[in-house]
Amino acid sequence: MMQDIVMILMIAVFVEGLVQWFKAEYRKSKWVWASLTISAIATIATGFNPLTMFGIESQYPQLTLWFGYFMGTIILARGPNYVSDFFGSYKPSKT
């Protein structure tokens, strides 16, 4: 059950990140490119591949491998935005 929730969250982050990428004004930021570059390096260096993590296989193993790395890169690149949004919306009580 918990593994399914994690998989759904990863897919949601991936889809949202991919949609953001298609927005022209989003791609203009140098920080987006920096985030993608660092995420790609981290994804390959650590072997972070959501498809293989969840045992998803296809008849084209190389495609599964590279698409998994692509998916992992997008997920890692979007992660800091969610953490920042979470802590930015947190307001300690004044009492």
PDB file of N, CA and C in Angstrom:
ATOM      1  N   MET A   1       0.825  -1.200   0.000  1.00  0.00           N
ATOM      2  CA  MET A   1       0.000   0.000   0.000  1.00  0.00           C
ATOM      3  C   MET A   1       0.873   1.271   0.000  1.00  0.00           C
ATOM      4  N   MET A   2       1.852   1.317   0.919  1.00  0.00           N
ATOM      5  CA  MET A   2       2.710   2.492   1.010  1.00  0.00           C
ATOM      6  C   MET A   2       3.535   2.654  -0.262  1.00  0.00           C
ATOM      7  N   GLN A   3       3.980   1.541  -0.832  1.00  0.00           N
ATOM      8  CA  GLN A   3       4.754   1.586  -2.070  1.00  0.00           C
ATOM      9  C   GLN A   3       3.915   2.160  -3.205  1.00  0.00           C
ATOM     10  N   ASP A   4       2.637   1.830  -3.243  1.00  0.00           N
ATOM     11  CA  ASP A   4       1.741   2.373  -4.263  1.00  0.00           C
ATOM     12  C   ASP A   4       1.569   3.876  -4.115  1.00  0.00           C
ATOM     13  N   ILE A   5       1.481   4.345  -2.885  1.00  0.00           N
ATOM     14  CA  ILE A   5       1.328   5.785  -2.640  1.00  0.00           C
ATOM     15  C   ILE A   5       2.574   6.531  -3.095  1.00  0.00           C
ATOM     16  N   VAL A   6       3.740   5.979  -2.775  1.00  0.00           N
ATOM     17  CA  VAL A   6       5.001   6.605  -3.193  1.00  0.00           C
ATOM     18  C   VAL A   6       5.085   6.639  -4.721  1.00  0.00           C
ATOM     19  N   MET A   7       4.707   5.554  -5.373  1.00  0.00           N
ATOM     20  CA  MET A   7       4.744   5.510  -6.830  1.00  0.00           C
ATOM     21  C   MET A   7       3.801   6.550  -7.429  1.00  0.00           C
ATOM     22  N   ILE A   8       2.614   6.677  -6.886  1.00  0.00           N
ATOM     23  CA  ILE A   8       1.651   7.666  -7.385  1.00  0.00           C
ATOM     24  C   ILE A   8       2.194   9.083  -7.195  1.00  0.00           C
ATOM     25  N   LEU A   9       2.802   9.354  -6.044  1.00  0.00           N
ATOM     26  CA  LEU A   9       3.378  10.679  -5.811  1.00  0.00           C
ATOM     27  C   LEU A   9       4.519  10.978  -6.780  1.00  0.00           C
ATOM     28  N   MET A  10       5.363   9.989  -7.047  1.00  0.00           N
ATOM     29  CA  MET A  10       6.460  10.191  -8.004  1.00  0.00           C
ATOM     30  C   MET A  10       5.927  10.465  -9.403  1.00  0.00           C
ATOM     31  N   ILE A  11       4.913   9.739  -9.801  1.00  0.00           N
ATOM     32  CA  ILE A  11       4.325   9.963 -11.132  1.00  0.00           C
ATOM     33  C   ILE A  11       3.687  11.345 -11.191  1.00  0.00           C
ATOM     34  N   ALA A  12       3.023  11.756 -10.115  1.00  0.00           N
ATOM     35  CA  ALA A  12       2.398  13.083 -10.088  1.00  0.00           C
ATOM     36  C   ALA A  12       3.443  14.192 -10.198  1.00  0.00           C
ATOM     37  N   VAL A  13       4.548  14.055  -9.469  1.00  0.00           N
ATOM     38  CA  VAL A  13       5.620  15.055  -9.541  1.00  0.00           C
ATOM     39  C   VAL A  13       6.226  15.074 -10.936  1.00  0.00           C
ATOM     40  N   PHE A  14       6.420  13.897 -11.519  1.00  0.00           N
ATOM     41  CA  PHE A  14       6.976  13.811 -12.872  1.00  0.00           C
ATOM     42  C   PHE A  14       6.071  14.501 -13.891  1.00  0.00           C
ATOM     43  N   VAL A  15       4.779  14.210 -13.846  1.00  0.00           N
ATOM     44  CA  VAL A  15       3.842  14.807 -14.812  1.00  0.00           C
ATOM     45  C   VAL A  15       3.786  16.313 -14.630  1.00  0.00           C
ATOM     46  N   GLU A  16       3.733  16.774 -13.387  1.00  0.00           N
ATOM     47  CA  GLU A  16       3.680  18.215 -13.141  1.00  0.00           C
ATOM     48  C   GLU A  16       4.962  18.886 -13.621  1.00  0.00           C
ATOM     49  N   GLY A  17       6.101  18.260 -13.379  1.00  0.00           N
ATOM     50  CA  GLY A  17       7.370  18.818 -13.837  1.00  0.00           C
ATOM     51  C   GLY A  17       7.467  18.869 -15.346  1.00  0.00           C
ATOM     52  N   LEU A  18       6.963  17.841 -16.002  1.00  0.00           N
ATOM     53  CA  LEU A  18       6.979  17.811 -17.462  1.00  0.00           C
ATOM     54  C   LEU A  18       6.075  18.892 -18.047  1.00  0.00           C
ATOM     55  N   VAL A  19       4.918  19.093 -17.445  1.00  0.00           N
ATOM     56  CA  VAL A  19       4.005  20.147 -17.908  1.00  0.00           C
ATOM     57  C   VAL A  19       4.654  21.515 -17.723  1.00  0.00           C
ATOM     58  N   GLN A  20       5.304  21.726 -16.578  1.00  0.00           N
ATOM     59  CA  GLN A  20       5.993  22.998 -16.354  1.00  0.00           C
ATOM     60  C   GLN A  20       7.084  23.221 -17.397  1.00  0.00           C
ATOM     61  N   TRP A  21       7.766  22.155 -17.769  1.00  0.00           N
ATOM     62  CA  TRP A  21       8.853  22.264 -18.735  1.00  0.00           C
ATOM     63  C   TRP A  21       8.361  22.772 -20.083  1.00  0.00           C
ATOM     64  N   PHE A  22       7.152  22.442 -20.461  1.00  0.00           N
ATOM     65  CA  PHE A  22       6.631  22.866 -21.755  1.00  0.00           C
ATOM     66  C   PHE A  22       6.225  24.344 -21.773  1.00  0.00           C
ATOM     67  N   LYS A  23       6.175  24.971 -20.628  1.00  0.00           N
ATOM     68  CA  LYS A  23       5.882  26.399 -20.578  1.00  0.00           C
ATOM     69  C   LYS A  23       7.140  27.169 -20.949  1.00  0.00           C
ATOM     70  N   ALA A  24       7.051  28.013 -21.957  1.00  0.00           N
ATOM     71  CA  ALA A  24       8.228  28.722 -22.474  1.00  0.00           C
ATOM     72  C   ALA A  24       8.868  29.614 -21.419  1.00  0.00           C
ATOM     73  N   GLU A  25       8.085  30.318 -20.625  1.00  0.00           N
ATOM     74  CA  GLU A  25       8.660  31.221 -19.633  1.00  0.00           C
ATOM     75  C   GLU A  25       9.395  30.458 -18.527  1.00  0.00           C
ATOM     76  N   TYR A  26       9.008  29.227 -18.311  1.00  0.00           N
ATOM     77  CA  TYR A  26       9.667  28.397 -17.295  1.00  0.00           C
ATOM     78  C   TYR A  26      11.086  28.046 -17.720  1.00  0.00           C
ATOM     79  N   ARG A  27      11.270  27.722 -18.983  1.00  0.00           N
ATOM     80  CA  ARG A  27      12.579  27.302 -19.488  1.00  0.00           C
ATOM     81  C   ARG A  27      13.572  28.450 -19.599  1.00  0.00           C
ATOM     82  N   LYS A  28      13.117  29.693 -19.492  1.00  0.00           N
ATOM     83  CA  LYS A  28      14.015  30.839 -19.643  1.00  0.00           C
ATOM     84  C   LYS A  28      14.916  31.045 -18.428  1.00  0.00           C
ATOM     85  N   SER A  29      14.539  30.507 -17.290  1.00  0.00           N
ATOM     86  CA  SER A  29      15.318  30.712 -16.070  1.00  0.00           C
ATOM     87  C   SER A  29      16.591  29.871 -16.075  1.00  0.00           C
ATOM     88  N   LYS A  30      17.702  30.511 -15.755  1.00  0.00           N
ATOM     89  CA  LYS A  30      18.967  29.775 -15.687  1.00  0.00           C
ATOM     90  C   LYS A  30      18.953  28.787 -14.531  1.00  0.00           C
ATOM     91  N   TRP A  31      18.149  29.056 -13.514  1.00  0.00           N
ATOM     92  CA  TRP A  31      18.089  28.159 -12.359  1.00  0.00           C
ATOM     93  C   TRP A  31      17.387  26.854 -12.698  1.00  0.00           C
ATOM     94  N   VAL A  32      16.478  26.882 -13.642  1.00  0.00           N
ATOM     95  CA  VAL A  32      15.826  25.653 -14.093  1.00  0.00           C
ATOM     96  C   VAL A  32      16.862  24.748 -14.746  1.00  0.00           C
ATOM     97  N   TRP A  33      17.703  25.328 -15.578  1.00  0.00           N
ATOM     98  CA  TRP A  33      18.743  24.548 -16.245  1.00  0.00           C
ATOM     99  C   TRP A  33      19.756  24.015 -15.238  1.00  0.00           C
ATOM    100  N   ALA A  34      20.095  24.827 -14.261  1.00  0.00           N
ATOM    101  CA  ALA A  34      21.032  24.379 -13.223  1.00  0.00           C
ATOM    102  C   ALA A  34      20.434  23.223 -12.430  1.00  0.00           C
ATOM    103  N   SER A  35      19.179  23.342 -12.081  1.00  0.00           N
ATOM    104  CA  SER A  35      18.493  22.290 -11.335  1.00  0.00           C
ATOM    105  C   SER A  35      18.429  20.993 -12.134  1.00  0.00           C
ATOM    106  N   LEU A  36      18.123  21.103 -13.425  1.00  0.00           N
ATOM    107  CA  LEU A  36      18.063  19.908 -14.269  1.00  0.00           C
ATOM    108  C   LEU A  36      19.432  19.255 -14.421  1.00  0.00           C
ATOM    109  N   THR A  37      20.462  20.059 -14.581  1.00  0.00           N
ATOM    110  CA  THR A  37      21.806  19.519 -14.743  1.00  0.00           C
ATOM    111  C   THR A  37      22.262  18.785 -13.483  1.00  0.00           C
ATOM    112  N   ILE A  38      22.088  19.428 -12.342  1.00  0.00           N
ATOM    113  CA  ILE A  38      22.479  18.801 -11.076  1.00  0.00           C
ATOM    114  C   ILE A  38      21.647  17.548 -10.823  1.00  0.00           C
ATOM    115  N   SER A  39      20.373  17.610 -11.122  1.00  0.00           N
ATOM    116  CA  SER A  39      19.495  16.450 -10.926  1.00  0.00           C
ATOM    117  C   SER A  39      19.881  15.293 -11.836  1.00  0.00           C
ATOM    118  N   ALA A  40      20.242  15.586 -13.083  1.00  0.00           N
ATOM    119  CA  ALA A  40      20.653  14.528 -14.010  1.00  0.00           C
ATOM    120  C   ALA A  40      21.917  13.834 -13.502  1.00  0.00           C
ATOM    121  N   ILE A  41      22.865  14.613 -13.024  1.00  0.00           N
ATOM    122  CA  ILE A  41      24.102  14.039 -12.488  1.00  0.00           C
ATOM    123  C   ILE A  41      23.796  13.186 -11.258  1.00  0.00           C
ATOM    124  N   ALA A  42      22.974  13.713 -10.362  1.00  0.00           N
ATOM    125  CA  ALA A  42      22.623  12.971  -9.142  1.00  0.00           C
ATOM    126  C   ALA A  42      21.838  11.699  -9.460  1.00  0.00           C
ATOM    127  N   THR A  43      20.950  11.785 -10.432  1.00  0.00           N
ATOM    128  CA  THR A  43      20.146  10.618 -10.806  1.00  0.00           C
ATOM    129  C   THR A  43      21.016   9.490 -11.316  1.00  0.00           C
ATOM    130  N   ILE A  44      21.926   9.799 -12.208  1.00  0.00           N
ATOM    131  CA  ILE A  44      22.789   8.758 -12.779  1.00  0.00           C
ATOM    132  C   ILE A  44      23.807   8.281 -11.749  1.00  0.00           C
ATOM    133  N   ALA A  45      24.368   9.196 -10.960  1.00  0.00           N
ATOM    134  CA  ALA A  45      25.376   8.811  -9.964  1.00  0.00           C
ATOM    135  C   ALA A  45      24.800   7.899  -8.887  1.00  0.00           C
ATOM    136  N   THR A  46      23.552   8.145  -8.495  1.00  0.00           N
ATOM    137  CA  THR A  46      22.941   7.337  -7.431  1.00  0.00           C
ATOM    138  C   THR A  46      22.129   6.174  -7.967  1.00  0.00           C
ATOM    139  N   GLY A  47      21.867   6.165  -9.279  1.00  0.00           N
ATOM    140  CA  GLY A  47      21.049   5.097  -9.859  1.00  0.00           C
ATOM    141  C   GLY A  47      19.574   5.255  -9.544  1.00  0.00           C
ATOM    142  N   PHE A  48      19.144   6.491  -9.279  1.00  0.00           N
ATOM    143  CA  PHE A  48      17.738   6.743  -8.953  1.00  0.00           C
ATOM    144  C   PHE A  48      16.895   6.584 -10.211  1.00  0.00           C
ATOM    145  N   ASN A  49      16.196   5.477 -10.282  1.00  0.00           N
ATOM    146  CA  ASN A  49      15.370   5.152 -11.436  1.00  0.00           C
ATOM    147  C   ASN A  49      14.023   4.643 -10.924  1.00  0.00           C
ATOM    148  N   PRO A  50      12.995   5.490 -10.923  1.00  0.00           N
ATOM    149  CA  PRO A  50      11.704   5.075 -10.379  1.00  0.00           C
ATOM    150  C   PRO A  50      11.123   3.825 -11.039  1.00  0.00           C
ATOM    151  N   LEU A  51      11.385   3.630 -12.310  1.00  0.00           N
ATOM    152  CA  LEU A  51      10.822   2.457 -12.983  1.00  0.00           C
ATOM    153  C   LEU A  51      11.421   1.169 -12.442  1.00  0.00           C
ATOM    154  N   THR A  52      12.738   1.138 -12.275  1.00  0.00           N
ATOM    155  CA  THR A  52      13.351  -0.079 -11.744  1.00  0.00           C
ATOM    156  C   THR A  52      13.098  -0.225 -10.245  1.00  0.00           C
ATOM    157  N   MET A  53      12.918   0.885  -9.528  1.00  0.00           N
ATOM    158  CA  MET A  53      12.608   0.820  -8.100  1.00  0.00           C
ATOM    159  C   MET A  53      11.324   0.042  -7.849  1.00  0.00           C
ATOM    160  N   PHE A  54      10.367   0.227  -8.728  1.00  0.00           N
ATOM    161  CA  PHE A  54       9.069  -0.417  -8.551  1.00  0.00           C
ATOM    162  C   PHE A  54       8.917  -1.666  -9.403  1.00  0.00           C
ATOM    163  N   GLY A  55      10.016  -2.122  -9.993  1.00  0.00           N
ATOM    164  CA  GLY A  55       9.998  -3.372 -10.747  1.00  0.00           C
ATOM    165  C   GLY A  55       9.251  -3.307 -12.064  1.00  0.00           C
ATOM    166  N   ILE A  56       9.144  -2.118 -12.647  1.00  0.00           N
ATOM    167  CA  ILE A  56       8.460  -1.960 -13.931  1.00  0.00           C
ATOM    168  C   ILE A  56       9.449  -2.323 -15.040  1.00  0.00           C
ATOM    169  N   GLU A  57       9.059  -3.261 -15.878  1.00  0.00           N
ATOM    170  CA  GLU A  57       9.912  -3.710 -16.968  1.00  0.00           C
ATOM    171  C   GLU A  57       9.159  -3.627 -18.278  1.00  0.00           C
ATOM    172  N   SER A  58       9.905  -3.540 -19.356  1.00  0.00           N
ATOM    173  CA  SER A  58       9.299  -3.565 -20.683  1.00  0.00           C
ATOM    174  C   SER A  58      10.132  -4.492 -21.561  1.00  0.00           C
ATOM    175  N   GLN A  59       9.697  -4.674 -22.778  1.00  0.00           N
ATOM    176  CA  GLN A  59      10.465  -5.517 -23.684  1.00  0.00           C
ATOM    177  C   GLN A  59      11.677  -4.789 -24.240  1.00  0.00           C
ATOM    178  N   TYR A  60      11.811  -3.508 -23.925  1.00  0.00           N
ATOM    179  CA  TYR A  60      12.952  -2.705 -24.355  1.00  0.00           C
ATOM    180  C   TYR A  60      13.701  -2.220 -23.108  1.00  0.00           C
ATOM    181  N   PRO A  61      14.609  -3.020 -22.571  1.00  0.00           N
ATOM    182  CA  PRO A  61      15.256  -2.665 -21.306  1.00  0.00           C
ATOM    183  C   PRO A  61      16.034  -1.350 -21.355  1.00  0.00           C
ATOM    184  N   GLN A  62      16.673  -1.032 -22.475  1.00  0.00           N
ATOM    185  CA  GLN A  62      17.412   0.232 -22.562  1.00  0.00           C
ATOM    186  C   GLN A  62      16.470   1.431 -22.500  1.00  0.00           C
ATOM    187  N   LEU A  63      15.319   1.312 -23.142  1.00  0.00           N
ATOM    188  CA  LEU A  63      14.330   2.388 -23.093  1.00  0.00           C
ATOM    189  C   LEU A  63      13.818   2.574 -21.671  1.00  0.00           C
ATOM    190  N   THR A  64      13.556   1.473 -20.988  1.00  0.00           N
ATOM    191  CA  THR A  64      13.104   1.544 -19.598  1.00  0.00           C
ATOM    192  C   THR A  64      14.178   2.198 -18.735  1.00  0.00           C
ATOM    193  N   LEU A  65      15.424   1.832 -18.956  1.00  0.00           N
ATOM    194  CA  LEU A  65      16.520   2.398 -18.176  1.00  0.00           C
ATOM    195  C   LEU A  65      16.626   3.903 -18.382  1.00  0.00           C
ATOM    196  N   TRP A  66      16.688   4.358 -19.626  1.00  0.00           N
ATOM    197  CA  TRP A  66      16.880   5.781 -19.895  1.00  0.00           C
ATOM    198  C   TRP A  66      15.647   6.620 -19.587  1.00  0.00           C
ATOM    199  N   PHE A  67      14.453   6.073 -19.846  1.00  0.00           N
ATOM    200  CA  PHE A  67      13.250   6.826 -19.480  1.00  0.00           C
ATOM    201  C   PHE A  67      13.137   6.925 -17.964  1.00  0.00           C
ATOM    202  N   GLY A  68      13.543   5.877 -17.264  1.00  0.00           N
ATOM    203  CA  GLY A  68      13.545   5.926 -15.798  1.00  0.00           C
ATOM    204  C   GLY A  68      14.485   6.989 -15.276  1.00  0.00           C
ATOM    205  N   TYR A  69      15.669   7.095 -15.888  1.00  0.00           N
ATOM    206  CA  TYR A  69      16.597   8.152 -15.485  1.00  0.00           C
ATOM    207  C   TYR A  69      16.041   9.539 -15.817  1.00  0.00           C
ATOM    208  N   PHE A  70      15.396   9.665 -16.959  1.00  0.00           N
ATOM    209  CA  PHE A  70      14.761  10.936 -17.327  1.00  0.00           C
ATOM    210  C   PHE A  70      13.683  11.292 -16.310  1.00  0.00           C
ATOM    211  N   MET A  71      12.869  10.309 -15.974  1.00  0.00           N
ATOM    212  CA  MET A  71      11.805  10.512 -14.989  1.00  0.00           C
ATOM    213  C   MET A  71      12.403  10.889 -13.632  1.00  0.00           C
ATOM    214  N   GLY A  72      13.467  10.202 -13.226  1.00  0.00           N
ATOM    215  CA  GLY A  72      14.132  10.514 -11.962  1.00  0.00           C
ATOM    216  C   GLY A  72      14.712  11.919 -11.941  1.00  0.00           C
ATOM    217  N   THR A  73      15.264  12.347 -13.072  1.00  0.00           N
ATOM    218  CA  THR A  73      15.823  13.704 -13.168  1.00  0.00           C
ATOM    219  C   THR A  73      14.748  14.754 -12.967  1.00  0.00           C
ATOM    220  N   ILE A  74      13.613  14.585 -13.626  1.00  0.00           N
ATOM    221  CA  ILE A  74      12.514  15.549 -13.480  1.00  0.00           C
ATOM    222  C   ILE A  74      12.012  15.568 -12.043  1.00  0.00           C
ATOM    223  N   ILE A  75      11.871  14.396 -11.433  1.00  0.00           N
ATOM    224  CA  ILE A  75      11.387  14.321 -10.050  1.00  0.00           C
ATOM    225  C   ILE A  75      12.349  15.026  -9.101  1.00  0.00           C
ATOM    226  N   LEU A  76      13.643  14.750  -9.244  1.00  0.00           N
ATOM    227  CA  LEU A  76      14.625  15.408  -8.371  1.00  0.00           C
ATOM    228  C   LEU A  76      14.682  16.912  -8.612  1.00  0.00           C
ATOM    229  N   ALA A  77      14.544  17.336  -9.849  1.00  0.00           N
ATOM    230  CA  ALA A  77      14.602  18.766 -10.156  1.00  0.00           C
ATOM    231  C   ALA A  77      13.411  19.512  -9.579  1.00  0.00           C
ATOM    232  N   ARG A  78      12.264  18.861  -9.471  1.00  0.00           N
ATOM    233  CA  ARG A  78      11.072  19.513  -8.946  1.00  0.00           C
ATOM    234  C   ARG A  78      10.979  19.450  -7.427  1.00  0.00           C
ATOM    235  N   GLY A  79      11.687  18.525  -6.822  1.00  0.00           N
ATOM    236  CA  GLY A  79      11.609  18.324  -5.375  1.00  0.00           C
ATOM    237  C   GLY A  79      11.857  19.569  -4.536  1.00  0.00           C
ATOM    238  N   PRO A  80      12.924  20.334  -4.812  1.00  0.00           N
ATOM    239  CA  PRO A  80      13.178  21.522  -3.992  1.00  0.00           C
ATOM    240  C   PRO A  80      12.031  22.532  -4.025  1.00  0.00           C
ATOM    241  N   ASN A  81      11.308  22.620  -5.125  1.00  0.00           N
ATOM    242  CA  ASN A  81      10.171  23.536  -5.192  1.00  0.00           C
ATOM    243  C   ASN A  81       9.090  23.140  -4.201  1.00  0.00           C
ATOM    244  N   TYR A  82       8.841  21.851  -4.082  1.00  0.00           N
ATOM    245  CA  TYR A  82       7.811  21.387  -3.156  1.00  0.00           C
ATOM    246  C   TYR A  82       8.234  21.598  -1.716  1.00  0.00           C
ATOM    247  N   VAL A  83       9.496  21.365  -1.408  1.00  0.00           N
ATOM    248  CA  VAL A  83       9.991  21.588  -0.052  1.00  0.00           C
ATOM    249  C   VAL A  83       9.908  23.076   0.292  1.00  0.00           C
ATOM    250  N   SER A  84      10.316  23.925  -0.649  1.00  0.00           N
ATOM    251  CA  SER A  84      10.259  25.367  -0.432  1.00  0.00           C
ATOM    252  C   SER A  84       8.815  25.834  -0.238  1.00  0.00           C
ATOM    253  N   ASP A  85       7.903  25.333  -1.061  1.00  0.00           N
ATOM    254  CA  ASP A  85       6.491  25.702  -0.921  1.00  0.00           C
ATOM    255  C   ASP A  85       5.935  25.254   0.420  1.00  0.00           C
ATOM    256  N   PHE A  86       6.331  24.059   0.845  1.00  0.00           N
ATOM    257  CA  PHE A  86       5.838  23.535   2.113  1.00  0.00           C
ATOM    258  C   PHE A  86       6.283  24.414   3.275  1.00  0.00           C
ATOM    259  N   PHE A  87       7.591  24.716   3.330  1.00  0.00           N
ATOM    260  CA  PHE A  87       8.090  25.521   4.432  1.00  0.00           C
ATOM    261  C   PHE A  87       7.695  26.986   4.304  1.00  0.00           C
ATOM    262  N   GLY A  88       7.480  27.449   3.081  1.00  0.00           N
ATOM    263  CA  GLY A  88       7.038  28.828   2.880  1.00  0.00           C
ATOM    264  C   GLY A  88       5.611  29.044   3.330  1.00  0.00           C
ATOM    265  N   SER A  89       4.806  28.008   3.284  1.00  0.00           N
ATOM    266  CA  SER A  89       3.404  28.145   3.697  1.00  0.00           C
ATOM    267  C   SER A  89       3.228  27.905   5.185  1.00  0.00           C
ATOM    268  N   TYR A  90       4.265  27.386   5.835  1.00  0.00           N
ATOM    269  CA  TYR A  90       4.192  27.139   7.281  1.00  0.00           C
ATOM    270  C   TYR A  90       4.368  28.449   8.029  1.00  0.00           C
ATOM    271  N   LYS A  91       3.404  28.752   8.864  1.00  0.00           N
ATOM    272  CA  LYS A  91       3.472  29.969   9.669  1.00  0.00           C
ATOM    273  C   LYS A  91       3.318  29.568  11.127  1.00  0.00           C
ATOM    274  N   PRO A  92       4.350  29.819  11.926  1.00  0.00           N
ATOM    275  CA  PRO A  92       4.240  29.458  13.345  1.00  0.00           C
ATOM    276  C   PRO A  92       3.161  30.294  14.027  1.00  0.00           C
ATOM    277  N   SER A  93       2.525  29.701  14.993  1.00  0.00           N
ATOM    278  CA  SER A  93       1.476  30.441  15.710  1.00  0.00           C
ATOM    279  C   SER A  93       2.101  31.532  16.552  1.00  0.00           C
ATOM    280  N   LYS A  94       1.347  32.592  16.760  1.00  0.00           N
ATOM    281  CA  LYS A  94       1.859  33.746  17.512  1.00  0.00           C
ATOM    282  C   LYS A  94       1.491  33.683  18.988  1.00  0.00           C
ATOM    283  N   THR A  95       0.871  32.611  19.400  1.00  0.00           N
ATOM    284  CA  THR A  95       0.484  32.507  20.805  1.00  0.00           C
ATOM    285  C   THR A  95       1.547  31.854  21.645  1.00  0.00           C
TER     286      THR A  95
END
